[in-house]
Amino acid sequence: MDPWPDIERSIRAALGANLARLHRVTRGRYGWDHDNTIGSTPQINTPAADWVTFWRERRLGFQLRLAASNGHGGRLAAGGERLVEKLPA
């Protein structure tokens, strides 16, 4: 099943190729020089020395704290916290 039937295959291929090219760029740190949003949700991009730290603290950890501050805990939050604990320090 095609998840994007209304988008031409050539456009999807170009999008995929450009996304792959973007992710091949490497730097000495993980993050970005400024924060942004995903829709209306803040996305913290303060650089970290390694990808695991960046993802644990700036992505997963931040989203879990944001959800908790908005009254969303429960099983999903508990599962997220267990995942955070399993990530290398």
C-alpha atoms as a PDB file:
ATOM      1  CA  MET A   1       0.000   0.000   0.000  1.00  0.00           C
ATOM      2  CA  ASP A   2       1.308   3.427  -0.933  1.00  0.00           C
ATOM      3  CA  PRO A   3       1.267   5.802   2.080  1.00  0.00           C
ATOM      4  CA  TRP A   4       1.451   8.896  -0.176  1.00  0.00           C
ATOM      5  CA  PRO A   5      -0.610   8.166  -3.291  1.00  0.00           C
ATOM      6  CA  ASP A   6      -1.079  11.866  -4.097  1.00  0.00           C
ATOM      7  CA  ILE A   7       2.647  12.658  -4.289  1.00  0.00           C
ATOM      8  CA  GLU A   8       4.514  11.796  -7.473  1.00  0.00           C
ATOM      9  CA  ARG A   9       7.082   9.037  -7.142  1.00  0.00           C
ATOM     10  CA  SER A  10       9.843  11.318  -8.498  1.00  0.00           C
ATOM     11  CA  ILE A  11       9.101  13.924  -5.814  1.00  0.00           C
ATOM     12  CA  ARG A  12       9.204  11.274  -3.089  1.00  0.00           C
ATOM     13  CA  ALA A  13      12.486   9.947  -4.489  1.00  0.00           C
ATOM     14  CA  ALA A  14      13.998  13.455  -4.481  1.00  0.00           C
ATOM     15  CA  LEU A  15      12.788  14.046  -0.930  1.00  0.00           C
ATOM     16  CA  GLY A  16      14.321  10.760   0.220  1.00  0.00           C
ATOM     17  CA  ALA A  17      17.620  11.467  -1.547  1.00  0.00           C
ATOM     18  CA  ASN A  18      17.872  14.949  -0.055  1.00  0.00           C
ATOM     19  CA  LEU A  19      16.972  13.718   3.426  1.00  0.00           C
ATOM     20  CA  ALA A  20      19.686  11.057   3.151  1.00  0.00           C
ATOM     21  CA  ARG A  21      22.183  13.700   1.971  1.00  0.00           C
ATOM     22  CA  LEU A  22      21.275  15.919   4.917  1.00  0.00           C
ATOM     23  CA  HIS A  23      21.876  13.079   7.365  1.00  0.00           C
ATOM     24  CA  ARG A  24      25.307  12.300   5.899  1.00  0.00           C
ATOM     25  CA  VAL A  25      26.625  15.660   7.127  1.00  0.00           C
ATOM     26  CA  THR A  26      28.815  15.136  10.160  1.00  0.00           C
ATOM     27  CA  ARG A  27      30.111  17.496  12.814  1.00  0.00           C
ATOM     28  CA  GLY A  28      32.037  17.201  16.038  1.00  0.00           C
ATOM     29  CA  ARG A  29      28.847  17.498  18.068  1.00  0.00           C
ATOM     30  CA  TYR A  30      25.198  16.504  17.812  1.00  0.00           C
ATOM     31  CA  GLY A  31      22.571  19.229  17.861  1.00  0.00           C
ATOM     32  CA  TRP A  32      22.010  22.524  16.136  1.00  0.00           C
ATOM     33  CA  ASP A  33      22.862  26.162  16.711  1.00  0.00           C
ATOM     34  CA  HIS A  34      19.295  27.110  17.670  1.00  0.00           C
ATOM     35  CA  ASP A  35      16.108  25.538  18.984  1.00  0.00           C
ATOM     36  CA  ASN A  36      13.033  25.139  16.818  1.00  0.00           C
ATOM     37  CA  THR A  37       9.633  23.469  16.968  1.00  0.00           C
ATOM     38  CA  ILE A  38       7.816  20.430  15.677  1.00  0.00           C
ATOM     39  CA  GLY A  39       4.431  21.987  15.089  1.00  0.00           C
ATOM     40  CA  SER A  40       3.769  23.888  18.311  1.00  0.00           C
ATOM     41  CA  THR A  41       6.053  21.654  20.404  1.00  0.00           C
ATOM     42  CA  PRO A  42       9.485  23.059  21.299  1.00  0.00           C
ATOM     43  CA  GLN A  43      12.481  21.095  20.099  1.00  0.00           C
ATOM     44  CA  ILE A  44      15.638  21.678  22.115  1.00  0.00           C
ATOM     45  CA  ASN A  45      18.811  21.441  20.024  1.00  0.00           C
ATOM     46  CA  THR A  46      21.571  22.337  22.487  1.00  0.00           C
ATOM     47  CA  PRO A  47      24.577  20.365  21.188  1.00  0.00           C
ATOM     48  CA  ALA A  48      25.918  17.314  23.002  1.00  0.00           C
ATOM     49  CA  ALA A  49      29.216  15.511  22.513  1.00  0.00           C
ATOM     50  CA  ASP A  50      27.577  12.264  21.356  1.00  0.00           C
ATOM     51  CA  TRP A  51      24.354  11.151  19.727  1.00  0.00           C
ATOM     52  CA  VAL A  52      23.105   9.008  22.628  1.00  0.00           C
ATOM     53  CA  THR A  53      23.383  11.905  25.087  1.00  0.00           C
ATOM     54  CA  PHE A  54      21.708  14.273  22.612  1.00  0.00           C
ATOM     55  CA  TRP A  55      18.835  11.900  21.944  1.00  0.00           C
ATOM     56  CA  ARG A  56      18.400  10.851  25.587  1.00  0.00           C
ATOM     57  CA  GLU A  57      18.378  14.423  26.972  1.00  0.00           C
ATOM     58  CA  ARG A  58      17.185  16.666  24.113  1.00  0.00           C
ATOM     59  CA  ARG A  59      14.705  14.401  22.372  1.00  0.00           C
ATOM     60  CA  LEU A  60      13.280  11.539  24.439  1.00  0.00           C
ATOM     61  CA  GLY A  61      13.958  13.024  27.866  1.00  0.00           C
ATOM     62  CA  PHE A  62      12.604  16.440  26.928  1.00  0.00           C
ATOM     63  CA  GLN A  63       9.417  14.968  25.449  1.00  0.00           C
ATOM     64  CA  LEU A  64       8.860  12.800  28.519  1.00  0.00           C
ATOM     65  CA  ARG A  65       9.270  15.808  30.846  1.00  0.00           C
ATOM     66  CA  LEU A  66       6.971  17.897  28.645  1.00  0.00           C
ATOM     67  CA  ALA A  67       4.308  15.185  28.658  1.00  0.00           C
ATOM     68  CA  ALA A  68       4.542  14.836  32.447  1.00  0.00           C
ATOM     69  CA  SER A  69       4.235  18.604  32.941  1.00  0.00           C
ATOM     70  CA  ASN A  70       1.042  18.477  30.853  1.00  0.00           C
ATOM     71  CA  GLY A  71      -0.480  15.689  32.946  1.00  0.00           C
ATOM     72  CA  HIS A  72       0.416  12.791  30.654  1.00  0.00           C
ATOM     73  CA  GLY A  73       2.141  10.044  32.559  1.00  0.00           C
ATOM     74  CA  GLY A  74       1.109   6.454  32.816  1.00  0.00           C
ATOM     75  CA  ARG A  75       2.431   3.444  30.966  1.00  0.00           C
ATOM     76  CA  LEU A  76       3.893   5.330  28.019  1.00  0.00           C
ATOM     77  CA  ALA A  77       5.890   7.648  30.283  1.00  0.00           C
ATOM     78  CA  ALA A  78       7.030   4.718  32.417  1.00  0.00           C
ATOM     79  CA  GLY A  79       8.162   2.863  29.309  1.00  0.00           C
ATOM     80  CA  GLY A  80      10.012   5.933  28.090  1.00  0.00           C
ATOM     81  CA  GLU A  81      11.772   6.278  31.428  1.00  0.00           C
ATOM     82  CA  ARG A  82      12.810   2.624  31.320  1.00  0.00           C
ATOM     83  CA  LEU A  83      14.261   3.205  27.859  1.00  0.00           C
ATOM     84  CA  VAL A  84      16.160   6.285  29.088  1.00  0.00           C
ATOM     85  CA  GLU A  85      17.632   4.214  31.927  1.00  0.00           C
ATOM     86  CA  LYS A  86      18.846   1.550  29.490  1.00  0.00           C
ATOM     87  CA  LEU A  87      20.704   4.006  27.249  1.00  0.00           C
ATOM     88  CA  PRO A  88      24.477   4.218  27.813  1.00  0.00           C
ATOM     89  CA  ALA A  89      25.642   7.097  29.985  1.00  0.00           C
END
